[in-house]
Protein backbone atom coordinates (compact mmCIF):
# COMPACT_ATOMS: atom_id res chain seq x y z
CA GLN A 1 97.27 76.37 103.06
CA VAL A 2 96.44 78.44 100.19
CA GLN A 3 96.43 76.72 96.95
CA LEU A 4 98.46 78.40 94.37
CA VAL A 5 98.76 77.95 90.54
CA GLU A 6 101.52 79.24 88.36
CA SER A 7 100.98 80.25 84.41
CA GLY A 8 102.52 81.89 81.77
CA GLY A 9 105.72 79.91 81.47
CA GLY A 10 107.03 78.88 78.14
CA SER A 11 110.23 79.00 76.12
CA VAL A 12 111.88 82.47 74.72
CA GLN A 13 115.00 83.71 73.26
CA ALA A 14 117.34 85.57 75.36
CA GLY A 15 116.26 89.21 75.73
CA GLY A 16 112.52 88.48 75.38
CA SER A 17 109.99 88.70 78.18
CA LEU A 18 107.56 86.67 79.73
CA ARG A 19 104.94 87.51 82.55
CA LEU A 20 104.45 84.63 85.17
CA ALA A 21 100.86 84.61 87.09
CA CYS A 22 99.92 82.83 90.25
CA ALA A 23 96.58 82.45 91.04
CA THR A 24 95.40 81.79 94.71
CA SER A 25 92.55 80.13 96.51
CA GLY A 26 93.05 82.75 99.43
CA TYR A 27 93.56 86.50 99.85
CA ILE A 28 96.92 87.71 98.95
CA ALA A 29 96.25 90.80 101.05
CA ASN A 30 96.11 88.82 104.25
CA GLU A 31 99.59 87.28 103.53
CA HIS A 32 102.76 88.51 105.39
CA CYS A 33 104.91 86.90 102.58
CA ILE A 34 104.19 86.18 98.91
CA GLY A 35 106.86 85.90 96.25
CA TRP A 36 108.50 83.54 93.50
CA PHE A 37 111.25 81.15 93.96
CA ARG A 38 112.88 79.24 91.05
CA GLN A 39 114.91 76.03 90.86
CA ALA A 40 117.35 74.74 87.89
CA PRO A 41 118.10 71.31 87.28
CA GLY A 42 120.70 70.03 89.78
CA GLU A 43 120.53 73.47 91.82
CA GLU A 44 118.70 74.39 95.04
CA ARG A 45 115.78 76.34 94.78
CA GLU A 46 116.83 80.14 95.28
CA ARG A 47 114.64 83.36 95.88
CA VAL A 48 113.84 85.24 93.03
CA ALA A 49 111.63 88.11 94.35
CA THR A 50 109.68 88.24 97.72
CA ARG A 51 107.43 91.02 99.39
CA ASP A 52 106.94 90.97 103.12
CA GLY A 53 104.33 92.34 105.73
CA ASP A 54 106.03 95.67 105.60
CA GLY A 55 105.80 96.01 102.00
CA THR A 56 109.90 95.45 101.40
CA ILE A 57 110.60 93.98 98.24
CA ILE A 58 113.64 91.54 98.18
CA TYR A 59 115.18 90.38 94.57
CA ALA A 60 117.82 88.24 93.92
CA ASP A 61 120.96 90.08 92.79
CA SER A 62 120.81 88.12 89.49
CA VAL A 63 117.15 89.49 88.26
CA LYS A 64 117.69 93.06 89.86
CA GLY A 65 116.56 95.58 87.16
CA ARG A 66 115.10 93.23 84.97
CA PHE A 67 112.16 91.37 86.91
CA ILE A 68 109.48 93.00 88.84
CA ILE A 69 107.08 91.42 91.30
CA SER A 70 103.35 92.73 91.64
CA GLN A 71 100.03 91.94 92.76
CA ASN A 72 96.30 92.43 92.04
CA ASN A 73 94.63 91.74 95.47
CA ALA A 74 91.17 91.96 93.95
CA LYS A 75 92.19 89.07 91.82
CA ASN A 76 94.14 87.56 94.04
CA THR A 77 96.73 86.99 91.93
CA LEU A 78 100.44 87.58 92.23
CA TYR A 79 102.81 88.59 88.92
CA LEU A 80 106.27 88.52 88.05
CA GLN A 81 107.46 90.49 84.55
CA MET A 82 110.54 89.25 83.67
CA ASN A 83 112.47 91.38 81.16
CA ASN A 84 115.54 90.96 79.38
CA LEU A 85 115.44 87.20 79.87
CA LYS A 86 118.96 85.20 79.87
CA PRO A 87 119.81 81.71 79.58
CA GLU A 88 120.67 81.39 83.21
CA ASP A 89 117.14 82.43 84.00
CA THR A 90 116.06 78.85 82.78
CA ALA A 91 114.40 77.17 85.62
CA THR A 92 111.17 76.05 87.11
CA TYR A 93 109.42 78.99 88.67
CA TYR A 94 107.42 78.74 91.58
CA CYS A 95 105.47 81.07 93.74
CA ALA A 96 104.96 80.68 97.25
CA THR A 97 103.28 82.62 100.46
CA GLY A 98 104.40 82.29 104.02
CA HIS A 99 104.04 83.51 107.62
CA SER A 100 107.16 85.48 108.06
CA TRP A 101 106.47 89.09 108.74
CA VAL A 102 110.05 90.31 107.60
CA GLY A 103 112.45 88.79 105.11
CA CYS A 104 110.33 85.96 104.07
CA PRO A 105 113.17 83.04 104.43
CA GLN A 106 112.44 80.50 102.26
CA ASN A 107 112.20 78.07 105.08
CA THR A 108 109.28 79.97 106.34
CA MET A 109 107.18 79.80 102.92
CA ASP A 110 104.65 77.32 103.48
CA SER A 111 102.36 77.10 100.90
CA TRP A 112 103.91 76.40 96.93
CA GLY A 113 102.60 76.15 93.91
CA LYS A 114 103.60 73.34 91.29
CA GLY A 115 105.84 75.50 89.33
CA THR A 116 105.89 76.66 85.79
CA LEU A 117 108.66 76.07 83.60
CA VAL A 118 110.77 78.94 81.93
CA THR A 119 113.25 78.18 79.15
CA ILE A 120 115.59 80.79 77.83
CA SER A 121 117.55 80.11 74.58
CA SER A 122 120.92 81.74 73.20
């Protein structure tokens, strides 16, 4: 299991931006699926953005046009650029990797970070 450590969370006002980073102990280029998920208190964890083995990126409808997933393979680091943040984006954000070649279903992600808290005030 690859070790994942998220960073970059914090508290910002609505309309602001944050960039999350996920440092890994393995090679991101060798992972079929990489991505970000989030969980708000009392809610189930949901996909934010994932990239599968074909390079297909899936964004949650709620973040399309605002968030961008990217990676630096040389640094084995995954990023999530979060723009135009809204109070409903408040959650703990997790990075994850998995073995699925297509679609990155959440239940196939097998390595998870401990999360970083993002709080957006209105």
